[in-house]
Amino acid sequence: MKRKLAWIGAILSGLYLLTVGPIPDPIPFIDEAAALAIFLKCTSYLGFDLGKWLPFIRKKGKSNTSRRAESKKGVIIDV
Protein backbone atom coordinates (compact mmCIF):
# COMPACT_ATOMS: atom_id res chain seq x y z
CA MET A 1 0.00 0.00 0.00
CA LYS A 2 2.86 2.39 0.80
CA ARG A 3 4.47 1.61 -2.52
CA LYS A 4 1.29 2.48 -4.39
CA LEU A 5 1.02 5.78 -2.53
CA ALA A 6 4.66 6.53 -3.34
CA TRP A 7 3.99 5.82 -7.04
CA ILE A 8 0.92 8.05 -7.00
CA GLY A 9 2.84 10.84 -5.24
CA ALA A 10 5.75 10.57 -7.67
CA ILE A 11 3.49 10.62 -10.71
CA LEU A 12 1.32 13.51 -9.52
CA SER A 13 4.24 15.67 -8.36
CA GLY A 14 6.19 14.85 -11.53
CA LEU A 15 3.26 15.87 -13.71
CA TYR A 16 2.84 19.05 -11.69
CA LEU A 17 6.52 19.90 -12.18
CA LEU A 18 6.25 19.28 -15.93
CA THR A 19 3.19 21.50 -16.34
CA VAL A 20 4.37 24.40 -14.17
CA GLY A 21 6.29 26.07 -17.00
CA PRO A 22 3.59 26.54 -19.65
CA ILE A 23 0.59 26.88 -17.32
CA PRO A 24 0.61 29.68 -14.69
CA ASP A 25 0.18 28.03 -11.27
CA PRO A 26 -2.68 25.52 -11.61
CA ILE A 27 -2.64 24.89 -7.84
CA PRO A 28 -1.43 28.07 -6.09
CA PHE A 29 -1.00 26.63 -2.59
CA ILE A 30 1.52 24.02 -3.76
CA ASP A 31 4.88 25.57 -4.44
CA GLU A 32 7.32 24.10 -6.94
CA ALA A 33 9.81 23.47 -4.14
CA ALA A 34 7.24 21.43 -2.23
CA ALA A 35 6.40 19.45 -5.35
CA LEU A 36 10.11 18.78 -5.94
CA ALA A 37 10.56 17.64 -2.33
CA ILE A 38 7.57 15.29 -2.62
CA PHE A 39 8.89 13.95 -5.94
CA LEU A 40 12.39 13.33 -4.55
CA LYS A 41 11.13 11.64 -1.39
CA CYS A 42 8.75 9.39 -3.33
CA THR A 43 11.39 8.38 -5.85
CA SER A 44 13.96 7.73 -3.12
CA TYR A 45 11.42 5.50 -1.34
CA LEU A 46 10.94 3.61 -4.60
CA GLY A 47 14.71 3.11 -4.94
CA PHE A 48 15.64 5.84 -7.42
CA ASP A 49 18.06 8.38 -5.93
CA LEU A 50 17.53 11.47 -8.07
CA GLY A 51 18.85 13.82 -5.40
CA LYS A 52 22.45 13.02 -6.31
CA TRP A 53 22.04 14.95 -9.58
CA LEU A 54 20.81 18.09 -7.83
CA PRO A 55 23.67 20.02 -6.24
CA PHE A 56 21.43 22.00 -3.85
CA ILE A 57 20.04 18.86 -2.17
CA ARG A 58 22.29 18.05 0.77
CA LYS A 59 22.79 14.60 2.17
CA LYS A 60 22.56 13.88 5.88
CA GLY A 61 26.27 13.02 6.07
CA LYS A 62 29.16 15.35 6.68
CA SER A 63 29.38 18.64 4.87
CA ASN A 64 32.23 19.57 2.54
CA THR A 65 33.74 22.00 5.04
CA SER A 66 34.09 19.35 7.74
CA ARG A 67 35.65 16.95 5.24
CA ARG A 68 38.21 19.56 4.25
CA ALA A 69 39.07 20.27 7.87
CA GLU A 70 39.65 16.58 8.52
CA SER A 71 41.87 16.03 5.49
CA LYS A 72 45.44 14.98 6.21
CA LYS A 73 46.96 17.52 3.82
CA GLY A 74 46.23 20.39 6.16
CA VAL A 75 44.05 23.46 6.10
CA ILE A 76 44.53 26.10 3.38
CA ILE A 77 43.57 29.62 4.38
CA ASP A 78 42.97 32.02 1.50
CA VAL A 79 43.39 35.64 2.51
PDB file of N, CA and C in Angstrom:
ATOM      1  N   MET A   1       0.825  -1.191   0.000  1.00  0.00           N
ATOM      2  CA  MET A   1       0.000   0.000   0.000  1.00  0.00           C
ATOM      3  C   MET A   1       0.874   1.261   0.000  1.00  0.00           C
ATOM      4  N   LYS A   2       1.977   1.235   0.769  1.00  0.00           N
ATOM      5  CA  LYS A   2       2.860   2.393   0.805  1.00  0.00           C
ATOM      6  C   LYS A   2       3.525   2.610  -0.547  1.00  0.00           C
ATOM      7  N   ARG A   3       3.841   1.506  -1.207  1.00  0.00           N
ATOM      8  CA  ARG A   3       4.475   1.614  -2.523  1.00  0.00           C
ATOM      9  C   ARG A   3       3.534   2.231  -3.550  1.00  0.00           C
ATOM     10  N   LYS A   4       2.269   1.892  -3.471  1.00  0.00           N
ATOM     11  CA  LYS A   4       1.288   2.479  -4.388  1.00  0.00           C
ATOM     12  C   LYS A   4       1.135   3.972  -4.133  1.00  0.00           C
ATOM     13  N   LEU A   5       1.114   4.363  -2.859  1.00  0.00           N
ATOM     14  CA  LEU A   5       1.023   5.783  -2.528  1.00  0.00           C
ATOM     15  C   LEU A   5       2.267   6.540  -2.979  1.00  0.00           C
ATOM     16  N   ALA A   6       3.428   5.899  -2.881  1.00  0.00           N
ATOM     17  CA  ALA A   6       4.656   6.533  -3.344  1.00  0.00           C
ATOM     18  C   ALA A   6       4.623   6.710  -4.860  1.00  0.00           C
ATOM     19  N   TRP A   7       4.117   5.701  -5.586  1.00  0.00           N
ATOM     20  CA  TRP A   7       3.994   5.822  -7.039  1.00  0.00           C
ATOM     21  C   TRP A   7       3.025   6.941  -7.405  1.00  0.00           C
ATOM     22  N   ILE A   8       1.900   7.008  -6.727  1.00  0.00           N
ATOM     23  CA  ILE A   8       0.919   8.054  -7.005  1.00  0.00           C
ATOM     24  C   ILE A   8       1.505   9.428  -6.703  1.00  0.00           C
ATOM     25  N   GLY A   9       2.204   9.565  -5.582  1.00  0.00           N
ATOM     26  CA  GLY A   9       2.838  10.837  -5.237  1.00  0.00           C
ATOM     27  C   GLY A   9       3.909  11.238  -6.238  1.00  0.00           C
ATOM     28  N   ALA A  10       4.708  10.278  -6.693  1.00  0.00           N
ATOM     29  CA  ALA A  10       5.752  10.573  -7.671  1.00  0.00           C
ATOM     30  C   ALA A  10       5.150  10.988  -9.012  1.00  0.00           C
ATOM     31  N   ILE A  11       4.112  10.302  -9.423  1.00  0.00           N
ATOM     32  CA  ILE A  11       3.490  10.623 -10.714  1.00  0.00           C
ATOM     33  C   ILE A  11       2.808  11.990 -10.664  1.00  0.00           C
ATOM     34  N   LEU A  12       2.036  12.233  -9.607  1.00  0.00           N
ATOM     35  CA  LEU A  12       1.321  13.514  -9.519  1.00  0.00           C
ATOM     36  C   LEU A  12       2.273  14.698  -9.374  1.00  0.00           C
ATOM     37  N   SER A  13       3.302  14.565  -8.526  1.00  0.00           N
ATOM     38  CA  SER A  13       4.239  15.669  -8.363  1.00  0.00           C
ATOM     39  C   SER A  13       5.104  15.844  -9.605  1.00  0.00           C
ATOM     40  N   GLY A  14       5.437  14.746 -10.292  1.00  0.00           N
ATOM     41  CA  GLY A  14       6.185  14.849 -11.534  1.00  0.00           C
ATOM     42  C   GLY A  14       5.389  15.541 -12.624  1.00  0.00           C
ATOM     43  N   LEU A  15       4.117  15.199 -12.735  1.00  0.00           N
ATOM     44  CA  LEU A  15       3.262  15.870 -13.712  1.00  0.00           C
ATOM     45  C   LEU A  15       3.077  17.338 -13.376  1.00  0.00           C
ATOM     46  N   TYR A  16       2.960  17.651 -12.098  1.00  0.00           N
ATOM     47  CA  TYR A  16       2.844  19.054 -11.689  1.00  0.00           C
ATOM     48  C   TYR A  16       4.099  19.829 -12.064  1.00  0.00           C
ATOM     49  N   LEU A  17       5.278  19.218 -11.833  1.00  0.00           N
ATOM     50  CA  LEU A  17       6.521  19.897 -12.179  1.00  0.00           C
ATOM     51  C   LEU A  17       6.670  20.083 -13.685  1.00  0.00           C
ATOM     52  N   LEU A  18       6.163  19.145 -14.471  1.00  0.00           N
ATOM     53  CA  LEU A  18       6.249  19.276 -15.925  1.00  0.00           C
ATOM     54  C   LEU A  18       5.307  20.344 -16.479  1.00  0.00           C
ATOM     55  N   THR A  19       4.168  20.546 -15.826  1.00  0.00           N
ATOM     56  CA  THR A  19       3.191  21.503 -16.336  1.00  0.00           C
ATOM     57  C   THR A  19       3.317  22.883 -15.722  1.00  0.00           C
ATOM     58  N   VAL A  20       4.235  23.092 -14.820  1.00  0.00           N
ATOM     59  CA  VAL A  20       4.375  24.396 -14.166  1.00  0.00           C
ATOM     60  C   VAL A  20       4.852  25.453 -15.151  1.00  0.00           C
ATOM     61  N   GLY A  21       5.741  25.103 -16.063  1.00  0.00           N
ATOM     62  CA  GLY A  21       6.286  26.075 -17.004  1.00  0.00           C
ATOM     63  C   GLY A  21       5.243  26.714 -17.905  1.00  0.00           C
ATOM     64  N   PRO A  22       4.530  25.933 -18.710  1.00  0.00           N
ATOM     65  CA  PRO A  22       3.591  26.540 -19.653  1.00  0.00           C
ATOM     66  C   PRO A  22       2.299  27.055 -19.018  1.00  0.00           C
ATOM     67  N   ILE A  23       1.862  26.482 -17.931  1.00  0.00           N
ATOM     68  CA  ILE A  23       0.592  26.880 -17.316  1.00  0.00           C
ATOM     69  C   ILE A  23       0.898  27.678 -16.040  1.00  0.00           C
ATOM     70  N   PRO A  24       0.327  28.871 -15.886  1.00  0.00           N
ATOM     71  CA  PRO A  24       0.612  29.682 -14.692  1.00  0.00           C
ATOM     72  C   PRO A  24      -0.113  29.164 -13.453  1.00  0.00           C
ATOM     73  N   ASP A  25       0.627  28.529 -12.569  1.00  0.00           N
ATOM     74  CA  ASP A  25       0.178  28.025 -11.265  1.00  0.00           C
ATOM     75  C   ASP A  25      -1.218  27.414 -11.234  1.00  0.00           C
ATOM     76  N   PRO A  26      -1.361  26.163 -11.655  1.00  0.00           N
ATOM     77  CA  PRO A  26      -2.676  25.524 -11.610  1.00  0.00           C
ATOM     78  C   PRO A  26      -3.170  25.299 -10.180  1.00  0.00           C
ATOM     79  N   ILE A  27      -2.266  25.054  -9.250  1.00  0.00           N
ATOM     80  CA  ILE A  27      -2.636  24.890  -7.839  1.00  0.00           C
ATOM     81  C   ILE A  27      -1.763  25.861  -7.041  1.00  0.00           C
ATOM     82  N   PRO A  28      -2.284  27.037  -6.676  1.00  0.00           N
ATOM     83  CA  PRO A  28      -1.430  28.075  -6.094  1.00  0.00           C
ATOM     84  C   PRO A  28      -0.877  27.769  -4.699  1.00  0.00           C
ATOM     85  N   PHE A  29      -1.496  26.882  -3.938  1.00  0.00           N
ATOM     86  CA  PHE A  29      -0.996  26.630  -2.589  1.00  0.00           C
ATOM     87  C   PHE A  29       0.119  25.596  -2.560  1.00  0.00           C
ATOM     88  N   ILE A  30       0.384  24.937  -3.683  1.00  0.00           N
ATOM     89  CA  ILE A  30       1.521  24.018  -3.757  1.00  0.00           C
ATOM     90  C   ILE A  30       2.640  24.722  -4.505  1.00  0.00           C
ATOM     91  N   ASP A  31       3.727  24.922  -3.840  1.00  0.00           N
ATOM     92  CA  ASP A  31       4.880  25.573  -4.443  1.00  0.00           C
ATOM     93  C   ASP A  31       5.687  24.547  -5.227  1.00  0.00           C
ATOM     94  N   GLU A  32       6.498  25.013  -6.158  1.00  0.00           N
ATOM     95  CA  GLU A  32       7.323  24.101  -6.940  1.00  0.00           C
ATOM     96  C   GLU A  32       8.355  23.391  -6.068  1.00  0.00           C
ATOM     97  N   ALA A  33       8.835  24.084  -5.045  1.00  0.00           N
ATOM     98  CA  ALA A  33       9.813  23.465  -4.143  1.00  0.00           C
ATOM     99  C   ALA A  33       9.173  22.325  -3.354  1.00  0.00           C
ATOM    100  N   ALA A  34       7.935  22.504  -2.940  1.00  0.00           N
ATOM    101  CA  ALA A  34       7.239  21.434  -2.226  1.00  0.00           C
ATOM    102  C   ALA A  34       6.978  20.249  -3.145  1.00  0.00           C
ATOM    103  N   ALA A  35       6.624  20.531  -4.391  1.00  0.00           N
ATOM    104  CA  ALA A  35       6.401  19.449  -5.353  1.00  0.00           C
ATOM    105  C   ALA A  35       7.699  18.701  -5.640  1.00  0.00           C
ATOM    106  N   LEU A  36       8.821  19.428  -5.722  1.00  0.00           N
ATOM    107  CA  LEU A  36      10.112  18.781  -5.940  1.00  0.00           C
ATOM    108  C   LEU A  36      10.504  17.920  -4.744  1.00  0.00           C
ATOM    109  N   ALA A  37      10.246  18.418  -3.539  1.00  0.00           N
ATOM    110  CA  ALA A  37      10.560  17.641  -2.335  1.00  0.00           C
ATOM    111  C   ALA A  37       9.723  16.361  -2.280  1.00  0.00           C
ATOM    112  N   ILE A  38       8.442  16.470  -2.605  1.00  0.00           N
ATOM    113  CA  ILE A  38       7.573  15.290  -2.624  1.00  0.00           C
ATOM    114  C   ILE A  38       8.057  14.303  -3.675  1.00  0.00           C
ATOM    115  N   PHE A  39       8.424  14.812  -4.859  1.00  0.00           N
ATOM    116  CA  PHE A  39       8.894  13.954  -5.937  1.00  0.00           C
ATOM    117  C   PHE A  39      10.176  13.230  -5.544  1.00  0.00           C
ATOM    118  N   LEU A  40      11.126  13.952  -4.943  1.00  0.00           N
ATOM    119  CA  LEU A  40      12.391  13.333  -4.551  1.00  0.00           C
ATOM    120  C   LEU A  40      12.210  12.302  -3.437  1.00  0.00           C
ATOM    121  N   LYS A  41      11.359  12.597  -2.475  1.00  0.00           N
ATOM    122  CA  LYS A  41      11.126  11.639  -1.386  1.00  0.00           C
ATOM    123  C   LYS A  41      10.428  10.379  -1.897  1.00  0.00           C
ATOM    124  N   CYS A  42       9.449  10.552  -2.788  1.00  0.00           N
ATOM    125  CA  CYS A  42       8.745   9.391  -3.332  1.00  0.00           C
ATOM    126  C   CYS A  42       9.662   8.531  -4.180  1.00  0.00           C
ATOM    127  N   THR A  43      10.487   9.167  -5.015  1.00  0.00           N
ATOM    128  CA  THR A  43      11.394   8.379  -5.853  1.00  0.00           C
ATOM    129  C   THR A  43      12.495   7.719  -5.032  1.00  0.00           C
ATOM    130  N   SER A  44      12.943   8.372  -3.962  1.00  0.00           N
ATOM    131  CA  SER A  44      13.957   7.726  -3.122  1.00  0.00           C
ATOM    132  C   SER A  44      13.357   6.547  -2.363  1.00  0.00           C
ATOM    133  N   TYR A  45      12.083   6.635  -1.983  1.00  0.00           N
ATOM    134  CA  TYR A  45      11.419   5.504  -1.342  1.00  0.00           C
ATOM    135  C   TYR A  45      11.282   4.330  -2.311  1.00  0.00           C
ATOM    136  N   LEU A  46      11.076   4.652  -3.591  1.00  0.00           N
ATOM    137  CA  LEU A  46      10.938   3.607  -4.604  1.00  0.00           C
ATOM    138  C   LEU A  46      12.280   3.041  -5.055  1.00  0.00           C
ATOM    139  N   GLY A  47      13.382   3.644  -4.622  1.00  0.00           N
ATOM    140  CA  GLY A  47      14.705   3.113  -4.938  1.00  0.00           C
ATOM    141  C   GLY A  47      15.479   3.880  -5.986  1.00  0.00           C
ATOM    142  N   PHE A  48      14.950   5.010  -6.440  1.00  0.00           N
ATOM    143  CA  PHE A  48      15.642   5.843  -7.424  1.00  0.00           C
ATOM    144  C   PHE A  48      16.153   7.094  -6.721  1.00  0.00           C
ATOM    145  N   ASP A  49      17.479   7.236  -6.618  1.00  0.00           N
ATOM    146  CA  ASP A  49      18.062   8.383  -5.926  1.00  0.00           C
ATOM    147  C   ASP A  49      18.341   9.492  -6.933  1.00  0.00           C
ATOM    148  N   LEU A  50      17.371  10.370  -7.132  1.00  0.00           N
ATOM    149  CA  LEU A  50      17.527  11.471  -8.067  1.00  0.00           C
ATOM    150  C   LEU A  50      18.165  12.691  -7.413  1.00  0.00           C
ATOM    151  N   GLY A  51      18.261  12.693  -6.109  1.00  0.00           N
ATOM    152  CA  GLY A  51      18.854  13.816  -5.397  1.00  0.00           C
ATOM    153  C   GLY A  51      20.345  13.970  -5.619  1.00  0.00           C
ATOM    154  N   LYS A  52      21.005  12.917  -6.090  1.00  0.00           N
ATOM    155  CA  LYS A  52      22.446  13.023  -6.308  1.00  0.00           C
ATOM    156  C   LYS A  52      22.776  13.872  -7.522  1.00  0.00           C
ATOM    157  N   TRP A  53      21.806  14.111  -8.407  1.00  0.00           N
ATOM    158  CA  TRP A  53      22.037  14.946  -9.579  1.00  0.00           C
ATOM    159  C   TRP A  53      21.712  16.410  -9.317  1.00  0.00           C
ATOM    160  N   LEU A  54      21.144  16.715  -8.174  1.00  0.00           N
ATOM    161  CA  LEU A  54      20.807  18.092  -7.835  1.00  0.00           C
ATOM    162  C   LEU A  54      21.801  18.604  -6.796  1.00  0.00           C
ATOM    163  N   PRO A  55      22.614  19.588  -7.151  1.00  0.00           N
ATOM    164  CA  PRO A  55      23.674  20.025  -6.238  1.00  0.00           C
ATOM    165  C   PRO A  55      23.159  20.732  -4.992  1.00  0.00           C
ATOM    166  N   PHE A  56      21.941  21.267  -5.010  1.00  0.00           N
ATOM    167  CA  PHE A  56      21.434  21.998  -3.852  1.00  0.00           C
ATOM    168  C   PHE A  56      20.731  21.096  -2.844  1.00  0.00           C
ATOM    169  N   ILE A  57      20.600  19.813  -3.126  1.00  0.00           N
ATOM    170  CA  ILE A  57      20.036  18.861  -2.174  1.00  0.00           C
ATOM    171  C   ILE A  57      21.191  18.287  -1.365  1.00  0.00           C
ATOM    172  N   ARG A  58      21.193  18.519  -0.072  1.00  0.00           N
ATOM    173  CA  ARG A  58      22.294  18.047   0.771  1.00  0.00           C
ATOM    174  C   ARG A  58      21.950  16.711   1.396  1.00  0.00           C
ATOM    175  N   LYS A  59      22.962  15.895   1.516  1.00  0.00           N
ATOM    176  CA  LYS A  59      22.795  14.599   2.168  1.00  0.00           C
ATOM    177  C   LYS A  59      22.925  14.787   3.677  1.00  0.00           C
ATOM    178  N   LYS A  60      22.517  13.791   4.426  1.00  0.00           N
ATOM    179  CA  LYS A  60      22.558  13.876   5.881  1.00  0.00           C
ATOM    180  C   LYS A  60      23.947  13.648   6.450  1.00  0.00           C
ATOM    181  N   GLY A  61      24.900  13.293   5.612  1.00  0.00           N
ATOM    182  CA  GLY A  61      26.266  13.023   6.066  1.00  0.00           C
ATOM    183  C   GLY A  61      27.009  14.300   6.392  1.00  0.00           C
ATOM    184  N   LYS A  62      28.322  14.211   6.355  1.00  0.00           N
ATOM    185  CA  LYS A  62      29.160  15.353   6.676  1.00  0.00           C
ATOM    186  C   LYS A  62      29.135  16.357   5.534  1.00  0.00           C
ATOM    187  N   SER A  63      29.322  17.612   5.884  1.00  0.00           N
ATOM    188  CA  SER A  63      29.383  18.643   4.868  1.00  0.00           C
ATOM    189  C   SER A  63      30.786  18.716   4.281  1.00  0.00           C
ATOM    190  N   ASN A  64      30.935  19.455   3.199  1.00  0.00           N
ATOM    191  CA  ASN A  64      32.229  19.567   2.536  1.00  0.00           C
ATOM    192  C   ASN A  64      33.250  20.293   3.410  1.00  0.00           C
ATOM    193  N   THR A  65      32.797  21.249   4.213  1.00  0.00           N
ATOM    194  CA  THR A  65      33.741  22.001   5.041  1.00  0.00           C
ATOM    195  C   THR A  65      34.337  21.122   6.135  1.00  0.00           C
ATOM    196  N   SER A  66      33.539  20.222   6.705  1.00  0.00           N
ATOM    197  CA  SER A  66      34.086  19.351   7.742  1.00  0.00           C
ATOM    198  C   SER A  66      35.012  18.305   7.139  1.00  0.00           C
ATOM    199  N   ARG A  67      34.748  17.888   5.905  1.00  0.00           N
ATOM    200  CA  ARG A  67      35.647  16.946   5.239  1.00  0.00           C
ATOM    201  C   ARG A  67      36.983  17.592   4.941  1.00  0.00           C
ATOM    202  N   ARG A  68      36.959  18.856   4.536  1.00  0.00           N
ATOM    203  CA  ARG A  68      38.206  19.559   4.248  1.00  0.00           C
ATOM    204  C   ARG A  68      39.020  19.756   5.513  1.00  0.00           C
ATOM    205  N   ALA A  69      38.354  20.038   6.614  1.00  0.00           N
ATOM    206  CA  ALA A  69      39.066  20.271   7.867  1.00  0.00           C
ATOM    207  C   ALA A  69      39.717  18.992   8.374  1.00  0.00           C
ATOM    208  N   GLU A  70      39.110  17.842   8.050  1.00  0.00           N
ATOM    209  CA  GLU A  70      39.652  16.580   8.523  1.00  0.00           C
ATOM    210  C   GLU A  70      40.671  15.963   7.570  1.00  0.00           C
ATOM    211  N   SER A  71      40.929  16.612   6.443  1.00  0.00           N
ATOM    212  CA  SER A  71      41.869  16.032   5.491  1.00  0.00           C
ATOM    213  C   SER A  71      43.276  16.053   6.069  1.00  0.00           C
ATOM    214  N   LYS A  72      44.097  15.122   5.646  1.00  0.00           N
ATOM    215  CA  LYS A  72      45.437  14.980   6.208  1.00  0.00           C
ATOM    216  C   LYS A  72      46.443  15.914   5.553  1.00  0.00           C
ATOM    217  N   LYS A  73      46.047  16.613   4.485  1.00  0.00           N
ATOM    218  CA  LYS A  73      46.963  17.521   3.822  1.00  0.00           C
ATOM    219  C   LYS A  73      47.088  18.844   4.555  1.00  0.00           C
ATOM    220  N   GLY A  74      46.175  19.151   5.408  1.00  0.00           N
ATOM    221  CA  GLY A  74      46.233  20.395   6.160  1.00  0.00           C
ATOM    222  C   GLY A  74      45.157  21.361   5.691  1.00  0.00           C
ATOM    223  N   VAL A  75      45.060  22.463   6.386  1.00  0.00           N
ATOM    224  CA  VAL A  75      44.053  23.465   6.099  1.00  0.00           C
ATOM    225  C   VAL A  75      44.696  24.588   5.288  1.00  0.00           C
ATOM    226  N   ILE A  76      44.046  25.000   4.207  1.00  0.00           N
ATOM    227  CA  ILE A  76      44.526  26.099   3.382  1.00  0.00           C
ATOM    228  C   ILE A  76      43.655  27.311   3.673  1.00  0.00           C
ATOM    229  N   ILE A  77      44.290  28.393   4.066  1.00  0.00           N
ATOM    230  CA  ILE A  77      43.572  29.619   4.375  1.00  0.00           C
ATOM    231  C   ILE A  77      43.866  30.632   3.280  1.00  0.00           C
ATOM    232  N   ASP A  78      42.826  31.050   2.578  1.00  0.00           N
ATOM    233  CA  ASP A  78      42.967  32.019   1.500  1.00  0.00           C
ATOM    234  C   ASP A  78      42.638  33.394   2.045  1.00  0.00           C
ATOM    235  N   VAL A  79      43.592  34.308   1.947  1.00  0.00           N
ATOM    236  CA  VAL A  79      43.392  35.644   2.509  1.00  0.00           C
ATOM    237  C   VAL A  79      43.131  36.633   1.429  1.00  0.00           C
TER     238      VAL A  79
END
